[in-house]
Amino acid sequence: MRECEYCGLSIVRKNAQARYCSDKCRNYDRRRQAKTPIPQALIRRDRWVRYAPDKTPLRITGHNASSTNANTWSSHKAALKSRAGVGLGFVLGDGIGCIDLDHVLVDGTPTDETLYFLESYPENYIEISPSGDGLHIWGTAEPGPGTRRTINGISIERYSTGRYITITGNVYQHGTLKAI
């Protein structure tokens, strides 16, 4: 079943490529994207944390958070308002996963191997990691164990549950949450 990228309701349109349940949602999403590039599918989930300089997940109060305890997470709005730590993080799960590519940008430009890898994700939301030389590919994913592999010299980590990933809003590629 497909979901509207803005409101999350089921899409019941004849057009198999439809991304929104209505023109109203499409227009609202375009306005929202002008304010924040982060996909609404992430923003509307209460799986947000802050993180410390050493990447330890934090509650919005500044105390330690857990990537497996929902009582330590908050809404995007609350996490955004908090000044704890140095940035935002999203706890994976609920159908959301991320591919973490480390050291794949040189002076902001992807290596040739990375460009080839990214061809598999033409519509996904991809952002630059806090280090400035990595990428996070966001998408939908079934829960499963994380994996670490090196393919064509690229360090590729895939996670879909029990982890959190930092979110910068520093967009490499605008997009949505497609399967990863």
Protein backbone atom coordinates (compact mmCIF):
# COMPACT_ATOMS: atom_id res chain seq x y z
CA MET A 1 0.00 0.00 0.00
CA ARG A 2 1.32 3.45 -0.91
CA GLU A 3 1.17 6.36 1.52
CA CYS A 4 0.82 10.06 0.81
CA GLU A 5 4.25 11.66 1.28
CA TYR A 6 2.68 14.57 3.16
CA CYS A 7 -0.08 13.24 5.41
CA GLY A 8 0.65 9.51 5.44
CA LEU A 9 -2.84 8.46 4.36
CA SER A 10 -3.35 5.69 1.83
CA ILE A 11 -3.19 6.73 -1.82
CA VAL A 12 -6.11 5.41 -3.85
CA ARG A 13 -5.50 7.06 -7.20
CA LYS A 14 -5.44 5.45 -10.59
CA ASN A 15 -2.00 6.89 -11.33
CA ALA A 16 0.56 4.37 -10.08
CA GLN A 17 3.15 7.17 -9.83
CA ALA A 18 1.04 9.37 -7.51
CA ARG A 19 3.00 10.55 -4.49
CA TYR A 20 0.18 12.43 -2.75
CA CYS A 21 -3.42 11.63 -1.88
CA SER A 22 -4.61 15.05 -3.13
CA ASP A 23 -3.49 18.26 -4.80
CA LYS A 24 -3.85 19.94 -1.41
CA CYS A 25 -1.25 17.61 0.15
CA ARG A 26 1.09 18.09 -2.82
CA ASN A 27 0.93 21.89 -2.40
CA TYR A 28 1.38 21.72 1.39
CA ASP A 29 4.40 19.45 0.94
CA ARG A 30 6.04 21.82 -1.53
CA ARG A 31 5.63 24.67 0.96
CA ARG A 32 7.02 22.48 3.75
CA GLN A 33 10.03 21.51 1.64
CA ALA A 34 10.88 25.18 1.26
CA LYS A 35 11.20 25.31 5.09
CA THR A 36 12.80 21.93 5.81
CA PRO A 37 14.15 19.35 3.38
CA ILE A 38 13.65 16.46 5.82
CA PRO A 39 10.86 14.13 4.58
CA GLN A 40 7.55 14.44 6.40
CA ALA A 41 7.55 10.67 6.93
CA LEU A 42 10.44 11.18 9.38
CA ILE A 43 9.16 14.39 10.94
CA ARG A 44 5.76 12.99 11.88
CA ARG A 45 7.23 10.03 13.81
CA ASP A 46 8.10 10.47 17.49
CA ARG A 47 11.52 8.81 17.17
CA TRP A 48 13.77 11.84 17.62
CA VAL A 49 16.76 12.29 19.91
CA ARG A 50 19.61 14.74 20.27
CA TYR A 51 23.25 13.66 20.24
CA ALA A 52 26.43 14.57 22.09
CA PRO A 53 29.74 15.48 20.39
CA ASP A 54 30.85 11.84 20.79
CA LYS A 55 27.58 10.78 19.03
CA THR A 56 25.97 9.40 22.22
CA PRO A 57 22.18 9.69 21.81
CA LEU A 58 20.57 12.13 24.25
CA ARG A 59 17.03 12.83 25.44
CA ILE A 60 15.82 16.36 24.89
CA THR A 61 16.64 16.95 28.58
CA GLY A 62 20.31 16.15 27.97
CA HIS A 63 20.26 12.77 29.73
CA ASN A 64 21.28 9.63 27.84
CA ALA A 65 18.74 8.21 25.39
CA SER A 66 18.46 4.66 24.11
CA SER A 67 17.92 3.50 20.54
CA THR A 68 15.78 0.66 21.92
CA ASN A 69 13.67 2.51 24.53
CA ALA A 70 10.87 4.63 23.06
CA ASN A 71 10.41 6.40 26.41
CA THR A 72 13.66 8.28 25.70
CA TRP A 73 12.58 9.63 22.29
CA SER A 74 10.54 12.70 21.43
CA SER A 75 8.75 14.49 18.64
CA HIS A 76 10.68 16.33 15.95
CA LYS A 77 9.33 19.63 17.25
CA ALA A 78 10.53 18.97 20.82
CA ALA A 79 13.94 17.72 19.63
CA LEU A 80 14.35 20.76 17.40
CA LYS A 81 13.60 23.13 20.30
CA SER A 82 16.01 21.35 22.66
CA ARG A 83 19.53 22.69 23.05
CA ALA A 84 20.92 19.44 24.46
CA GLY A 85 23.94 18.08 22.62
CA VAL A 86 25.05 19.25 19.20
CA GLY A 87 22.38 18.00 16.80
CA LEU A 88 19.39 15.86 15.88
CA GLY A 89 19.16 12.11 15.48
CA PHE A 90 16.42 9.74 14.33
CA VAL A 91 15.90 6.29 15.85
CA LEU A 92 15.48 3.73 13.08
CA GLY A 93 12.55 1.35 13.03
CA ASP A 94 8.83 1.64 12.28
CA GLY A 95 9.67 0.80 8.66
CA ILE A 96 12.46 3.40 8.35
CA GLY A 97 16.08 2.49 7.61
CA CYS A 98 19.28 4.19 6.54
CA ILE A 99 22.39 3.39 4.55
CA ASP A 100 25.50 5.06 5.95
CA LEU A 101 28.34 5.66 3.51
CA ASP A 102 31.56 6.81 5.17
CA HIS A 103 34.35 8.82 3.51
CA VAL A 104 32.76 8.94 0.04
CA LEU A 105 32.94 12.71 -0.63
CA VAL A 106 36.15 14.46 -1.59
CA ASP A 107 35.79 18.24 -1.41
CA GLY A 108 32.01 17.73 -1.50
CA THR A 109 32.10 15.55 -4.62
CA PRO A 110 31.29 11.83 -4.57
CA THR A 111 33.90 9.39 -5.79
CA ASP A 112 33.17 7.59 -9.08
CA GLU A 113 32.37 4.38 -7.17
CA THR A 114 29.94 6.30 -4.97
CA LEU A 115 28.18 7.87 -7.97
CA TYR A 116 27.70 4.39 -9.41
CA PHE A 117 26.29 3.14 -6.07
CA LEU A 118 23.92 6.14 -5.78
CA GLU A 119 22.38 5.32 -9.18
CA SER A 120 20.38 2.65 -7.31
CA TYR A 121 18.70 5.39 -5.20
CA PRO A 122 17.55 8.07 -7.68
CA GLU A 123 14.50 9.18 -5.67
CA ASN A 124 15.68 8.72 -2.07
CA TYR A 125 16.35 11.53 0.36
CA ILE A 126 20.13 11.66 0.82
CA GLU A 127 21.99 14.02 3.09
CA ILE A 128 25.58 14.78 3.96
CA SER A 129 26.65 13.36 7.31
CA PRO A 130 28.01 15.58 10.13
CA SER A 131 31.62 14.72 9.15
CA GLY A 132 31.06 16.37 5.76
CA ASP A 133 32.56 13.45 3.85
CA GLY A 134 29.83 10.82 4.25
CA LEU A 135 26.27 10.33 3.04
CA HIS A 136 23.09 8.99 4.65
CA ILE A 137 20.55 7.42 2.28
CA TRP A 138 17.13 7.36 3.97
CA GLY A 139 14.36 4.98 3.00
CA THR A 140 11.91 2.31 3.96
CA ALA A 141 13.23 -1.01 5.22
CA GLU A 142 12.03 -4.15 6.93
CA PRO A 143 13.43 -4.69 10.43
CA GLY A 144 16.57 -6.76 10.44
CA PRO A 145 20.13 -6.94 11.69
CA GLY A 146 22.51 -4.23 10.57
CA THR A 147 25.17 -5.05 8.02
CA ARG A 148 28.62 -3.68 7.23
CA ARG A 149 30.24 -4.37 3.91
CA THR A 150 32.86 -2.91 1.66
CA ILE A 151 31.87 -2.91 -2.00
CA ASN A 152 34.16 -1.38 -4.65
CA GLY A 153 36.09 0.35 -1.88
CA ILE A 154 32.97 1.93 -0.31
CA SER A 155 32.21 1.26 3.35
CA ILE A 156 28.44 0.55 3.38
CA GLU A 157 26.45 0.18 6.60
CA ARG A 158 22.71 -0.66 6.48
CA TYR A 159 20.52 -0.34 9.53
CA SER A 160 16.77 -0.60 10.07
CA THR A 161 16.26 -1.10 13.80
CA GLY A 162 18.00 -0.70 17.15
CA ARG A 163 20.14 2.23 15.96
CA TYR A 164 19.88 5.95 15.59
CA ILE A 165 21.38 8.03 12.80
CA THR A 166 22.30 11.70 12.94
CA ILE A 167 20.28 14.05 10.76
CA THR A 168 21.84 17.23 9.44
CA GLY A 169 19.28 18.57 6.95
CA ASN A 170 22.32 19.20 4.71
CA VAL A 171 20.77 17.82 1.53
CA TYR A 172 22.83 16.02 -1.07
CA GLN A 173 19.74 14.84 -2.99
CA HIS A 174 16.15 15.90 -2.39
CA GLY A 175 13.83 12.95 -2.35
CA THR A 176 11.49 10.75 -0.37
CA LEU A 177 11.64 7.51 1.57
CA LYS A 178 11.86 4.80 -1.08
CA ALA A 179 12.91 1.21 -0.37
CA ILE A 180 16.58 0.74 0.47
